Amino acid sequence: MKRIVIFLIAVVTLGFSGWFGIHAFGGKQPLASVPIPIKTAEHLPDSPDRWQGRIDYLSLDRNLAALAARPEMAGLAVAVVEDGKLRFVRTYGVADRATGTPVTPQTLFRWASVSKTTAGAMAAAMAHDGTIDLDRPIAQSQTTLRLPRGAEAQLSFGDLLAQRTGITKNAYDEKLEEGQNPELLRANLAAAPLQCEPGTCHTYQNIAFDAASEILAAAGGKSFADAVEDRFFLPLGMVSAGFGMDRLTGAKDWARPHRDERVLPVKPAYWRVPAAAGVESDIVDFAKWMQAMMGARPDVLPAPVLREAHRPRVGTPRLYGGALRQATGDAAYGLGWRSFTYAGHRLEGHSGAVSGYRATMIFEPSTRTGVVAMWNSDWGFPFRIPFAAIDSYHGRSDTNWLDLSELPPVTRSTVAAAPAAAKAGS
């Protein structure tokens, strides 16, 4: 009996120490220096002897290694969930070309516009609680957003999250990148040009979308970042996930942004619109978020919340470019959430891009199979990775999305010609 009592005391002490380590001396930001984790780390499927499933992981690994060796790339982290289970985690290349530091499963990358899925999930969860009303006009909420012709008086919060403001795509992003205040920019959107009548089409935004961070913070009584971390990230065990430039650059293991063969300066612009592009994490926690979005954690994200967030609300143009654009169709947008068809399958998720970083999360809800990937370069070719894995899962052999033979031979001019984009979106 004495031994049992001592054991129980030790368990409680360790649990409290883990909580204290997360919250003390850093507010609600996880501290990487704390040695006692909240939950023992699982054995990652990061080697061939641990890869199990229908997907040809050996072939996928070879293709990813070849992809990461391209000069357009720096580092790459990929995780695959198959039938709801984490089956593959692999990292390639460098977090920093200047030092040669390799990417590891603990390396932090930016989610870019995949961050919008946290805003959509939070809005759906708070609507489920009755804390907010998705059908309430934007003007009746606490926000700095103003739209042409006073459209904020008619458009609902749900319209905002579905990107139905009508203002021209990525309105005023260049001003945000110049360092202008996002709150002032949101107010000045009243003078932005319209692409369509508000509420009648999908026009992708970052500054306008981030009005969600103001609305959700006011309704919840805490900052948007704290609300997401408290309600989602910490209960899901995503201790590496959080918001803010200082949190990324202050970490021991983080991926520097790259373009061509150059390490870029870190730009704070899109962290100032956290609901649109503010999250960073390692690849394992990115995979946990995808599993939760698949319905694996109904205690944190119940099925009705996911249905509300993911439900298509407006049609959109085809996604990506080139061959991928031709291969996808029937694209739609929910609450910070994309869906589309590919090879007869309905896929969901989001992708994103900010200067020197790219990220994607794409999965098939019916099989709970999908991919998360993050890389620290501006190259768009790796957006093909999820489609290669999904084709392998379904035994499709008539495609080869990761075939590098179609690319120009590697020369310095190849690198110089690699496309770049700074917008926080995809």
Protein backbone atom coordinates (compact mmCIF):
# COMPACT_ATOMS: atom_id res chain seq x y z
CA MET A 1 0.00 0.00 0.00
CA LYS A 2 2.85 2.35 0.89
CA ARG A 3 4.47 1.74 -2.51
CA ILE A 4 1.18 2.45 -4.31
CA VAL A 5 0.75 5.75 -2.44
CA ILE A 6 4.31 6.79 -3.26
CA PHE A 7 3.77 5.91 -6.92
CA LEU A 8 0.55 7.93 -7.12
CA ILE A 9 2.25 10.92 -5.52
CA ALA A 10 5.09 10.67 -8.05
CA VAL A 11 2.64 10.54 -10.98
CA VAL A 12 0.78 13.61 -9.75
CA THR A 13 4.05 15.44 -9.18
CA LEU A 14 5.30 14.67 -12.67
CA GLY A 15 1.98 15.73 -14.18
CA PHE A 16 2.07 19.01 -12.28
CA SER A 17 5.71 19.54 -13.23
CA GLY A 18 4.84 19.11 -16.88
CA TRP A 19 2.02 21.65 -16.63
CA PHE A 20 4.21 24.04 -14.67
CA GLY A 21 7.00 23.68 -17.20
CA ILE A 22 4.63 24.63 -20.00
CA HIS A 23 3.09 27.64 -18.28
CA ALA A 24 5.70 29.09 -15.92
CA PHE A 25 8.19 31.76 -16.93
CA GLY A 26 6.71 31.93 -20.41
CA GLY A 27 3.01 32.61 -19.98
CA LYS A 28 1.29 30.01 -22.13
CA GLN A 29 4.18 29.49 -24.51
CA PRO A 30 5.78 26.04 -24.42
CA LEU A 31 9.37 26.11 -23.19
CA ALA A 32 11.68 23.75 -25.09
CA SER A 33 14.16 23.72 -22.18
CA VAL A 34 11.75 21.98 -19.79
CA PRO A 35 12.87 18.35 -19.49
CA ILE A 36 9.57 16.81 -18.28
CA PRO A 37 7.03 16.43 -21.12
CA ILE A 38 3.27 16.34 -20.57
CA LYS A 39 3.07 13.09 -22.50
CA THR A 40 5.76 10.57 -23.34
CA ALA A 41 6.81 10.90 -26.98
CA GLU A 42 5.65 8.08 -29.22
CA HIS A 43 8.04 6.07 -31.37
CA LEU A 44 7.90 7.89 -34.67
CA PRO A 45 7.58 5.98 -37.94
CA ASP A 46 10.77 7.62 -39.19
CA SER A 47 12.64 4.59 -40.57
CA PRO A 48 11.81 1.88 -43.13
CA ASP A 49 11.30 -0.81 -40.47
CA ARG A 50 8.40 1.25 -39.07
CA TRP A 51 6.64 2.05 -42.34
CA GLN A 52 3.47 0.01 -42.70
CA GLY A 53 0.47 0.44 -44.95
CA ARG A 54 -0.78 0.47 -48.52
CA ILE A 55 1.40 3.37 -49.62
CA ASP A 56 4.79 2.51 -51.13
CA TYR A 57 6.82 4.38 -48.54
CA LEU A 58 10.20 3.21 -49.83
CA SER A 59 9.45 4.72 -53.23
CA LEU A 60 8.01 7.86 -51.65
CA ASP A 61 11.14 8.27 -49.52
CA ARG A 62 13.43 7.94 -52.56
CA ASN A 63 11.41 10.52 -54.46
CA LEU A 64 11.39 12.94 -51.54
CA ALA A 65 15.14 12.59 -51.05
CA ALA A 66 15.72 13.37 -54.73
CA LEU A 67 13.32 16.31 -54.51
CA ALA A 68 15.05 17.72 -51.45
CA ALA A 69 18.42 17.50 -53.22
CA ARG A 70 17.28 19.97 -55.89
CA PRO A 71 18.97 23.38 -55.65
CA GLU A 72 15.58 25.09 -55.44
CA MET A 73 15.10 23.39 -52.06
CA ALA A 74 16.69 23.82 -48.64
CA GLY A 75 14.88 21.59 -46.13
CA LEU A 76 11.74 19.47 -46.18
CA ALA A 77 9.62 17.72 -43.55
CA VAL A 78 6.84 15.29 -44.50
CA ALA A 79 4.39 13.17 -42.53
CA VAL A 80 1.77 10.77 -43.86
CA VAL A 81 -1.37 9.63 -42.06
CA GLU A 82 -2.87 6.46 -43.54
CA ASP A 83 -6.26 5.14 -42.40
CA GLY A 84 -6.10 7.61 -39.53
CA LYS A 85 -2.71 6.44 -38.22
CA LEU A 86 0.63 8.23 -38.43
CA ARG A 87 2.60 5.90 -40.74
CA PHE A 88 5.50 7.97 -42.07
CA VAL A 89 7.65 10.84 -40.77
CA ARG A 90 10.75 11.90 -42.65
CA THR A 91 12.95 14.98 -42.89
CA TYR A 92 15.44 16.01 -45.56
CA GLY A 93 17.92 18.76 -46.32
CA VAL A 94 18.94 21.69 -44.16
CA ALA A 95 17.23 24.13 -41.86
CA ASP A 96 19.96 26.65 -42.64
CA ARG A 97 22.24 26.59 -45.70
CA ALA A 98 24.69 28.91 -43.97
CA THR A 99 25.44 26.41 -41.20
CA GLY A 100 24.38 23.13 -42.80
CA THR A 101 22.12 22.38 -39.83
CA PRO A 102 19.87 19.46 -40.84
CA VAL A 103 16.10 19.40 -40.61
CA THR A 104 14.82 17.12 -37.83
CA PRO A 105 11.31 16.05 -36.77
CA GLN A 106 11.57 18.78 -34.12
CA THR A 107 12.42 21.61 -36.56
CA LEU A 108 9.83 24.39 -36.51
CA PHE A 109 8.43 25.61 -39.83
CA ARG A 110 5.72 28.15 -40.63
CA TRP A 111 2.24 26.98 -41.58
CA ALA A 112 1.61 30.15 -43.61
CA SER A 113 -2.04 30.14 -44.77
CA VAL A 114 -2.77 26.70 -43.37
CA SER A 115 -3.14 28.82 -40.21
CA LYS A 116 -6.55 29.84 -41.55
CA THR A 117 -7.84 26.39 -40.61
CA THR A 118 -7.35 27.26 -36.92
CA ALA A 119 -9.53 30.35 -37.31
CA GLY A 120 -12.24 28.37 -39.06
CA ALA A 121 -12.13 25.63 -36.43
CA MET A 122 -12.25 28.15 -33.58
CA ALA A 123 -15.20 29.98 -35.12
CA ALA A 124 -17.08 26.70 -35.64
CA ALA A 125 -16.31 25.59 -32.08
CA MET A 126 -17.47 28.88 -30.56
CA ALA A 127 -20.60 28.81 -32.71
CA HIS A 128 -21.26 25.29 -31.41
CA ASP A 129 -20.90 26.66 -27.87
CA GLY A 130 -23.26 29.54 -28.63
CA THR A 131 -20.52 32.10 -27.97
CA ILE A 132 -20.71 33.56 -31.48
CA ASP A 133 -23.22 33.60 -34.32
CA LEU A 134 -21.76 32.86 -37.74
CA ASP A 135 -24.78 34.52 -39.39
CA ARG A 136 -24.35 37.79 -37.50
CA PRO A 137 -23.26 40.76 -39.67
CA ILE A 138 -19.60 41.67 -39.31
CA ALA A 139 -20.48 45.25 -38.33
CA GLN A 140 -22.15 44.00 -35.15
CA SER A 141 -18.87 42.50 -33.91
CA GLN A 142 -15.80 44.24 -32.52
CA THR A 143 -13.53 44.61 -35.54
CA THR A 144 -11.64 47.27 -37.46
CA LEU A 145 -12.75 45.84 -40.81
CA ARG A 146 -14.58 48.18 -43.17
CA LEU A 147 -15.67 47.13 -46.64
CA PRO A 148 -16.68 49.00 -49.81
CA ARG A 149 -20.24 50.36 -49.80
CA GLY A 150 -20.59 49.48 -46.12
CA ALA A 151 -20.86 45.78 -46.97
CA GLU A 152 -19.80 44.83 -43.44
CA ALA A 153 -23.37 45.63 -42.40
CA GLN A 154 -24.71 42.81 -44.61
CA LEU A 155 -21.93 40.23 -44.78
CA SER A 156 -21.87 37.67 -41.99
CA PHE A 157 -18.92 36.35 -40.01
CA GLY A 158 -19.35 33.11 -41.94
CA ASP A 159 -19.07 35.05 -45.21
CA LEU A 160 -15.82 36.59 -43.99
CA LEU A 161 -14.28 33.21 -43.13
CA ALA A 162 -15.42 31.82 -46.50
CA GLN A 163 -13.61 34.70 -48.26
CA ARG A 164 -16.77 36.26 -49.73
CA THR A 165 -15.92 39.93 -49.11
CA GLY A 166 -15.84 40.69 -52.85
CA ILE A 167 -12.72 42.88 -52.62
CA THR A 168 -9.94 42.17 -55.09
CA LYS A 169 -7.77 39.13 -54.30
CA ASN A 170 -5.07 39.66 -51.64
CA ALA A 171 -6.11 43.28 -51.19
CA TYR A 172 -3.40 45.47 -49.62
CA ASP A 173 -1.05 42.55 -48.92
CA GLU A 174 1.78 44.60 -50.41
CA LYS A 175 1.08 47.35 -47.88
CA LEU A 176 1.20 44.81 -45.05
CA GLU A 177 4.56 43.58 -46.36
CA GLU A 178 5.80 47.17 -46.34
CA GLY A 179 5.14 47.28 -42.60
CA GLN A 180 1.83 49.13 -42.45
CA ASN A 181 -0.52 48.51 -39.52
CA PRO A 182 -3.02 45.73 -40.28
CA GLU A 183 -5.76 47.42 -38.25
CA LEU A 184 -5.45 50.61 -40.32
CA LEU A 185 -5.31 48.56 -43.49
CA ARG A 186 -8.53 46.77 -42.50
CA ALA A 187 -10.25 50.12 -42.01
CA ASN A 188 -8.91 51.36 -45.35
CA LEU A 189 -10.31 48.34 -47.19
CA ALA A 190 -13.48 50.43 -47.53
CA ALA A 191 -11.71 52.05 -50.48
CA ALA A 192 -10.38 48.81 -52.01
CA PRO A 193 -11.51 47.85 -55.52
CA LEU A 194 -14.20 45.21 -55.80
CA GLN A 195 -13.74 42.03 -57.80
CA CYS A 196 -17.44 41.17 -57.44
CA GLU A 197 -20.41 42.28 -55.41
CA PRO A 198 -19.77 41.38 -51.73
CA GLY A 199 -21.19 37.98 -50.92
CA THR A 200 -21.41 36.79 -54.53
CA CYS A 201 -17.98 35.23 -55.16
CA HIS A 202 -14.80 33.97 -53.53
CA THR A 203 -11.89 36.45 -53.35
CA TYR A 204 -8.93 35.24 -51.30
CA GLN A 205 -7.78 37.60 -48.51
CA ASN A 206 -5.32 37.86 -45.64
CA ILE A 207 -5.85 41.28 -44.04
CA ALA A 208 -9.64 41.12 -44.24
CA PHE A 209 -9.66 37.47 -43.11
CA ASP A 210 -7.68 38.40 -39.99
CA ALA A 211 -10.66 40.38 -38.75
CA ALA A 212 -11.51 36.91 -37.41
CA SER A 213 -8.75 37.28 -34.83
CA GLU A 214 -10.40 40.47 -33.53
CA ILE A 215 -13.92 39.01 -33.52
CA LEU A 216 -12.94 35.75 -31.82
CA ALA A 217 -10.73 37.49 -29.24
CA ALA A 218 -13.52 39.89 -28.27
CA ALA A 219 -16.06 37.07 -27.99
CA GLY A 220 -13.75 34.79 -26.03
CA GLY A 221 -12.14 37.31 -23.72
CA LYS A 222 -8.57 36.38 -24.64
CA SER A 223 -6.21 36.84 -27.56
CA PHE A 224 -6.79 34.73 -30.63
CA ALA A 225 -3.40 33.02 -30.19
CA ASP A 226 -4.10 32.12 -26.55
CA ALA A 227 -7.57 30.86 -27.45
CA VAL A 228 -6.26 28.50 -30.16
CA GLU A 229 -3.41 27.21 -28.01
CA ASP A 230 -5.65 26.64 -24.97
CA ARG A 231 -8.58 25.09 -26.80
CA PHE A 232 -6.78 23.09 -29.48
CA PHE A 233 -3.01 22.86 -29.42
CA LEU A 234 -2.36 21.94 -25.79
CA PRO A 235 -5.25 19.43 -25.47
CA LEU A 236 -4.03 17.80 -28.69
CA GLY A 237 -0.50 17.56 -27.27
CA MET A 238 0.82 19.97 -29.91
CA VAL A 239 3.38 21.54 -27.59
CA SER A 240 5.58 22.78 -30.45
CA ALA A 241 2.68 24.68 -32.09
CA GLY A 242 2.04 28.35 -31.46
CA PHE A 243 2.07 31.87 -32.83
CA GLY A 244 4.57 34.65 -33.33
CA MET A 245 7.91 35.50 -34.90
CA ASP A 246 9.80 35.61 -31.59
CA ARG A 247 8.53 32.17 -30.73
CA LEU A 248 9.92 30.76 -33.98
CA THR A 249 13.27 32.55 -34.04
CA GLY A 250 13.80 31.95 -30.32
CA ALA A 251 13.49 28.18 -30.71
CA LYS A 252 16.56 25.96 -30.63
CA ASP A 253 15.60 24.20 -33.87
CA TRP A 254 13.90 26.25 -36.57
CA ALA A 255 14.03 26.43 -40.35
CA ARG A 256 15.41 29.64 -41.87
CA PRO A 257 13.63 30.94 -44.96
CA HIS A 258 15.42 30.47 -48.30
CA ARG A 259 15.13 31.61 -51.87
CA ASP A 260 17.37 29.96 -54.44
CA GLU A 261 20.62 29.38 -52.56
CA ARG A 262 20.22 32.40 -50.27
CA VAL A 263 19.07 32.54 -46.66
CA LEU A 264 16.45 35.28 -46.43
CA PRO A 265 15.78 37.68 -43.57
CA VAL A 266 12.74 36.72 -41.52
CA LYS A 267 9.87 39.11 -42.23
CA PRO A 268 7.28 39.80 -39.52
CA ALA A 269 4.45 40.95 -41.81
CA TYR A 270 2.15 37.93 -41.82
CA TRP A 271 2.58 37.17 -38.12
CA ARG A 272 0.70 40.45 -37.62
CA VAL A 273 -2.37 38.79 -39.13
CA PRO A 274 -2.32 35.65 -36.94
CA ALA A 275 -5.64 34.17 -38.04
CA ALA A 276 -4.45 34.34 -41.65
CA ALA A 277 -0.86 33.12 -41.36
CA GLY A 278 0.48 33.08 -37.80
CA VAL A 279 1.17 29.46 -36.81
CA GLU A 280 4.43 27.52 -36.62
CA SER A 281 5.13 23.96 -35.44
CA ASP A 282 7.19 20.89 -36.11
CA ILE A 283 6.03 18.25 -38.60
CA VAL A 284 4.73 15.81 -35.96
CA ASP A 285 2.37 18.39 -34.47
CA PHE A 286 1.29 19.43 -37.95
CA ALA A 287 0.28 15.80 -38.49
CA LYS A 288 -1.62 15.82 -35.18
CA TRP A 289 -3.61 18.80 -36.42
CA MET A 290 -4.49 16.94 -39.61
CA GLN A 291 -5.59 13.88 -37.62
CA ALA A 292 -7.80 16.10 -35.46
CA MET A 293 -9.25 17.63 -38.64
CA MET A 294 -9.99 14.07 -39.81
CA GLY A 295 -12.09 13.50 -36.70
CA ALA A 296 -9.58 11.55 -34.61
CA ARG A 297 -10.07 13.73 -31.54
CA PRO A 298 -13.81 14.33 -31.03
CA ASP A 299 -13.10 15.31 -27.43
CA VAL A 300 -11.33 18.43 -28.76
CA LEU A 301 -12.96 18.88 -32.18
CA PRO A 302 -16.40 17.19 -32.22
CA ALA A 303 -17.92 16.03 -35.48
CA PRO A 304 -20.52 18.86 -35.64
CA VAL A 305 -17.72 21.43 -35.30
CA LEU A 306 -15.74 19.84 -38.12
CA ARG A 307 -18.81 19.65 -40.35
CA GLU A 308 -19.49 23.36 -39.80
CA ALA A 309 -15.90 24.33 -40.52
CA HIS A 310 -15.43 22.12 -43.58
CA ARG A 311 -18.83 22.55 -45.25
CA PRO A 312 -18.39 24.16 -48.71
CA ARG A 313 -19.90 27.66 -48.74
CA VAL A 314 -18.66 29.14 -52.02
CA GLY A 315 -17.12 27.84 -55.22
CA THR A 316 -13.57 28.88 -56.06
CA PRO A 317 -11.26 28.79 -59.07
CA ARG A 318 -9.14 25.67 -59.60
CA LEU A 319 -6.17 25.32 -57.27
CA TYR A 320 -2.42 25.40 -57.88
CA GLY A 321 -1.04 25.72 -61.39
CA GLY A 322 0.09 23.67 -64.36
CA ALA A 323 -0.69 19.96 -64.32
CA LEU A 324 -2.13 20.04 -60.79
CA ARG A 325 -4.57 22.74 -61.82
CA GLN A 326 -5.82 20.56 -64.65
CA ALA A 327 -6.09 17.47 -62.42
CA THR A 328 -8.33 19.06 -59.77
CA GLY A 329 -11.84 20.42 -59.96
CA ASP A 330 -15.07 21.36 -58.17
CA ALA A 331 -13.10 23.52 -55.73
CA ALA A 332 -14.89 25.17 -52.81
CA TYR A 333 -14.14 27.07 -49.60
CA GLY A 334 -15.61 26.64 -46.14
CA LEU A 335 -14.51 28.38 -42.94
CA GLY A 336 -10.82 28.87 -43.71
CA TRP A 337 -10.95 25.47 -45.39
CA ARG A 338 -10.60 24.16 -48.95
CA SER A 339 -12.15 21.13 -50.66
CA PHE A 340 -11.92 19.85 -54.22
CA THR A 341 -12.06 16.71 -56.33
CA TYR A 342 -9.08 14.76 -57.63
CA ALA A 343 -9.21 11.50 -59.61
CA GLY A 344 -12.73 10.82 -58.39
CA HIS A 345 -11.89 11.48 -54.74
CA ARG A 346 -13.02 14.40 -52.58
CA LEU A 347 -10.02 15.96 -50.85
CA GLU A 348 -9.82 18.64 -48.15
CA GLY A 349 -7.23 20.84 -46.49
CA HIS A 350 -5.28 24.00 -47.22
CA SER A 351 -1.91 25.14 -48.50
CA GLY A 352 0.10 28.26 -47.90
CA ALA A 353 3.07 30.42 -48.80
CA VAL A 354 5.01 33.23 -47.19
CA SER A 355 8.46 34.50 -48.10
CA GLY A 356 10.88 31.59 -47.87
CA TYR A 357 8.34 29.02 -46.62
CA ARG A 358 5.67 26.73 -48.01
CA ALA A 359 3.25 24.33 -46.28
CA THR A 360 0.45 21.98 -47.29
CA MET A 361 -2.10 19.74 -45.59
CA ILE A 362 -4.25 17.65 -47.93
CA PHE A 363 -6.25 14.52 -47.04
CA GLU A 364 -9.11 12.30 -48.17
CA PRO A 365 -11.84 12.30 -45.47
CA SER A 366 -13.39 9.00 -46.59
CA THR A 367 -10.16 7.04 -46.00
CA ARG A 368 -8.58 9.38 -43.42
CA THR A 369 -5.41 9.35 -45.50
CA GLY A 370 -3.32 12.40 -46.28
CA VAL A 371 -0.09 14.32 -46.10
CA VAL A 372 1.36 17.31 -44.30
CA ALA A 373 4.55 18.84 -45.67
CA MET A 374 6.57 21.95 -44.90
CA TRP A 375 9.67 23.29 -46.62
CA ASN A 376 11.80 26.39 -46.23
CA SER A 377 12.01 27.63 -49.81
CA ASP A 378 9.80 29.42 -52.32
CA TRP A 379 9.59 26.50 -54.76
CA GLY A 380 6.07 25.31 -55.56
CA PHE A 381 6.83 21.84 -56.98
CA PRO A 382 6.52 20.05 -53.58
CA PHE A 383 2.80 20.91 -53.47
CA ARG A 384 2.54 17.71 -55.54
CA ILE A 385 3.61 15.48 -52.62
CA PRO A 386 0.12 14.74 -51.21
CA PHE A 387 -1.16 13.69 -54.63
CA ALA A 388 1.68 11.21 -55.07
CA ALA A 389 0.89 9.61 -51.71
CA ILE A 390 -2.86 9.48 -52.34
CA ASP A 391 -2.28 7.90 -55.76
CA SER A 392 -0.05 5.27 -54.13
CA TYR A 393 -2.72 4.54 -51.50
CA HIS A 394 -5.28 3.87 -54.24
CA GLY A 395 -2.85 1.83 -56.36
CA ARG A 396 -2.90 4.33 -59.19
CA SER A 397 0.14 3.88 -61.44
CA ASP A 398 -0.64 6.16 -64.38
CA THR A 399 0.72 9.29 -62.67
CA ASN A 400 4.10 10.26 -61.30
CA TRP A 401 3.78 13.62 -59.63
CA LEU A 402 7.31 13.54 -58.22
CA ASP A 403 9.06 12.68 -61.48
CA LEU A 404 11.95 15.14 -61.61
CA SER A 405 12.92 14.21 -65.17
CA GLU A 406 10.42 16.76 -66.46
CA LEU A 407 12.40 19.54 -64.78
CA PRO A 408 15.31 21.38 -66.42
CA PRO A 409 18.79 20.00 -65.71
CA VAL A 410 20.32 21.42 -62.57
CA THR A 411 22.36 24.53 -63.33
CA ARG A 412 22.75 27.89 -61.65
CA SER A 413 20.24 29.32 -64.11
CA THR A 414 17.78 26.64 -62.99
CA VAL A 415 17.90 28.06 -59.48
CA ALA A 416 17.63 31.63 -60.68
CA ALA A 417 14.50 30.73 -62.67
CA ALA A 418 12.67 29.13 -59.72
CA PRO A 419 9.35 30.94 -59.16
CA ALA A 420 8.84 32.90 -55.96
CA ALA A 421 5.85 34.41 -54.24
CA ALA A 422 5.47 36.16 -50.91
CA LYS A 423 1.70 36.04 -50.55
CA ALA A 424 0.30 34.14 -47.58
CA GLY A 425 -2.04 31.97 -49.52
CA SER A 426 -2.71 29.02 -51.73
